[in-house]
Amino acid sequence: MNIQQKTETVRARVTPALKRDVKDVLDPLGLSVSQAIVLFMSQIALKQRMPLELELPNAETRKTLDQADRGEGLTYAKDVDDLFEQIGL
């Protein structure tokens, strides 16, 4: 590993909710947001690509997500047993 002095600053504007949600995941791992960003950037440099898969939903999935956002075609269950009964398991 190439040890170099850190002299560059990276800044990102995010919503307070996103920062809080990310900290809730990172804190138990003992990682700061800054450390997570460095890990993410290091993986991009190492792999020469995004370290995660980014995909756009296909037309059928997009249609289903749009319907769900509008509250259409949703099924409600009072508990897991009710859900399994509704789907025939």
C-alpha atoms as a PDB file:
ATOM      1  CA  MET A   1       0.000   0.000   0.000  1.00  0.00           C
ATOM      2  CA  ASN A   2       1.296   3.416  -0.917  1.00  0.00           C
ATOM      3  CA  ILE A   3       1.379   5.606   2.211  1.00  0.00           C
ATOM      4  CA  GLN A   4       0.989   9.243   1.235  1.00  0.00           C
ATOM      5  CA  GLN A   5       0.211  12.361   3.178  1.00  0.00           C
ATOM      6  CA  LYS A   6      -3.458  13.239   2.938  1.00  0.00           C
ATOM      7  CA  THR A   7      -3.642  16.768   1.591  1.00  0.00           C
ATOM      8  CA  GLU A   8      -6.863  16.778  -0.448  1.00  0.00           C
ATOM      9  CA  THR A   9     -10.335  17.471   0.938  1.00  0.00           C
ATOM     10  CA  VAL A  10     -13.538  15.951  -0.404  1.00  0.00           C
ATOM     11  CA  ARG A  11     -16.838  17.581   0.529  1.00  0.00           C
ATOM     12  CA  ALA A  12     -20.362  16.401  -0.143  1.00  0.00           C
ATOM     13  CA  ARG A  13     -23.698  17.959   0.700  1.00  0.00           C
ATOM     14  CA  VAL A  14     -26.255  15.454   1.966  1.00  0.00           C
ATOM     15  CA  THR A  15     -29.516  15.639   3.854  1.00  0.00           C
ATOM     16  CA  PRO A  16     -29.367  15.376   7.642  1.00  0.00           C
ATOM     17  CA  ALA A  17     -31.461  12.205   7.437  1.00  0.00           C
ATOM     18  CA  LEU A  18     -29.020  10.525   5.044  1.00  0.00           C
ATOM     19  CA  LYS A  19     -26.051  11.418   7.228  1.00  0.00           C
ATOM     20  CA  ARG A  20     -27.840  10.116  10.338  1.00  0.00           C
ATOM     21  CA  ASP A  21     -28.844   6.868   8.593  1.00  0.00           C
ATOM     22  CA  VAL A  22     -25.283   6.312   7.364  1.00  0.00           C
ATOM     23  CA  LYS A  23     -23.809   7.046  10.803  1.00  0.00           C
ATOM     24  CA  ASP A  24     -26.247   4.530  12.330  1.00  0.00           C
ATOM     25  CA  VAL A  25     -24.722   1.850  10.084  1.00  0.00           C
ATOM     26  CA  LEU A  26     -21.092   2.949  10.416  1.00  0.00           C
ATOM     27  CA  ASP A  27     -20.930   3.607  14.171  1.00  0.00           C
ATOM     28  CA  PRO A  28     -21.291  -0.063  15.210  1.00  0.00           C
ATOM     29  CA  LEU A  29     -18.545  -0.892  12.708  1.00  0.00           C
ATOM     30  CA  GLY A  30     -16.238   1.665  14.307  1.00  0.00           C
ATOM     31  CA  LEU A  31     -16.044   3.683  11.090  1.00  0.00           C
ATOM     32  CA  SER A  32     -16.490   7.396  10.593  1.00  0.00           C
ATOM     33  CA  VAL A  33     -18.198   8.862   7.545  1.00  0.00           C
ATOM     34  CA  SER A  34     -14.793  10.139   6.428  1.00  0.00           C
ATOM     35  CA  GLN A  35     -13.252   6.667   6.733  1.00  0.00           C
ATOM     36  CA  ALA A  36     -16.148   5.153   4.774  1.00  0.00           C
ATOM     37  CA  ILE A  37     -15.643   7.685   1.984  1.00  0.00           C
ATOM     38  CA  VAL A  38     -11.924   6.854   1.861  1.00  0.00           C
ATOM     39  CA  LEU A  39     -12.762   3.116   1.697  1.00  0.00           C
ATOM     40  CA  PHE A  40     -15.260   3.741  -1.104  1.00  0.00           C
ATOM     41  CA  MET A  41     -12.808   5.851  -3.105  1.00  0.00           C
ATOM     42  CA  SER A  42     -10.000   3.332  -2.510  1.00  0.00           C
ATOM     43  CA  GLN A  43     -12.165   0.543  -3.933  1.00  0.00           C
ATOM     44  CA  ILE A  44     -12.957   2.631  -7.020  1.00  0.00           C
ATOM     45  CA  ALA A  45      -9.238   3.250  -7.577  1.00  0.00           C
ATOM     46  CA  LEU A  46      -8.322  -0.388  -6.938  1.00  0.00           C
ATOM     47  CA  LYS A  47     -11.031  -1.957  -9.114  1.00  0.00           C
ATOM     48  CA  GLN A  48     -11.158   0.864 -11.693  1.00  0.00           C
ATOM     49  CA  ARG A  49     -14.955   0.764 -11.511  1.00  0.00           C
ATOM     50  CA  MET A  50     -17.766   1.382  -9.075  1.00  0.00           C
ATOM     51  CA  PRO A  51     -17.499  -1.089  -6.193  1.00  0.00           C
ATOM     52  CA  LEU A  52     -21.206  -1.833  -6.403  1.00  0.00           C
ATOM     53  CA  GLU A  53     -23.641  -2.629  -9.153  1.00  0.00           C
ATOM     54  CA  LEU A  54     -25.758   0.263 -10.374  1.00  0.00           C
ATOM     55  CA  GLU A  55     -28.717  -0.752 -12.473  1.00  0.00           C
ATOM     56  CA  LEU A  56     -31.828   0.934 -13.755  1.00  0.00           C
ATOM     57  CA  PRO A  57     -35.037  -1.017 -13.248  1.00  0.00           C
ATOM     58  CA  ASN A  58     -36.554  -2.569 -16.357  1.00  0.00           C
ATOM     59  CA  ALA A  59     -39.936  -1.349 -17.630  1.00  0.00           C
ATOM     60  CA  GLU A  60     -41.980  -3.913 -15.684  1.00  0.00           C
ATOM     61  CA  THR A  61     -40.187  -3.174 -12.421  1.00  0.00           C
ATOM     62  CA  ARG A  62     -40.492   0.600 -12.980  1.00  0.00           C
ATOM     63  CA  LYS A  63     -44.247   0.198 -13.631  1.00  0.00           C
ATOM     64  CA  THR A  64     -44.647  -1.866 -10.450  1.00  0.00           C
ATOM     65  CA  LEU A  65     -42.654   0.649  -8.379  1.00  0.00           C
ATOM     66  CA  ASP A  66     -44.724   3.533  -9.759  1.00  0.00           C
ATOM     67  CA  GLN A  67     -47.959   1.687  -8.911  1.00  0.00           C
ATOM     68  CA  ALA A  68     -46.712   0.981  -5.382  1.00  0.00           C
ATOM     69  CA  ASP A  69     -45.771   4.651  -4.957  1.00  0.00           C
ATOM     70  CA  ARG A  70     -49.375   5.526  -5.832  1.00  0.00           C
ATOM     71  CA  GLY A  71     -50.662   2.890  -3.386  1.00  0.00           C
ATOM     72  CA  GLU A  72     -52.086   0.731  -6.175  1.00  0.00           C
ATOM     73  CA  GLY A  73     -52.091  -3.061  -6.133  1.00  0.00           C
ATOM     74  CA  LEU A  74     -50.742  -3.360  -2.598  1.00  0.00           C
ATOM     75  CA  THR A  75     -51.604  -6.306  -0.369  1.00  0.00           C
ATOM     76  CA  TYR A  76     -51.786  -5.881   3.375  1.00  0.00           C
ATOM     77  CA  ALA A  77     -51.440  -8.575   6.002  1.00  0.00           C
ATOM     78  CA  LYS A  78     -51.932  -8.367   9.759  1.00  0.00           C
ATOM     79  CA  ASP A  79     -49.002 -10.723  10.401  1.00  0.00           C
ATOM     80  CA  VAL A  80     -46.752 -13.249   8.661  1.00  0.00           C
ATOM     81  CA  ASP A  81     -49.284 -16.074   9.019  1.00  0.00           C
ATOM     82  CA  ASP A  82     -51.936 -13.931   7.342  1.00  0.00           C
ATOM     83  CA  LEU A  83     -49.493 -13.097   4.538  1.00  0.00           C
ATOM     84  CA  PHE A  84     -48.586 -16.750   3.976  1.00  0.00           C
ATOM     85  CA  GLU A  85     -52.278 -17.672   3.885  1.00  0.00           C
ATOM     86  CA  GLN A  86     -52.959 -14.943   1.314  1.00  0.00           C
ATOM     87  CA  ILE A  87     -50.186 -16.198  -0.974  1.00  0.00           C
ATOM     88  CA  GLY A  88     -51.056 -19.859  -0.481  1.00  0.00           C
ATOM     89  CA  LEU A  89     -48.143 -21.064   1.632  1.00  0.00           C
END
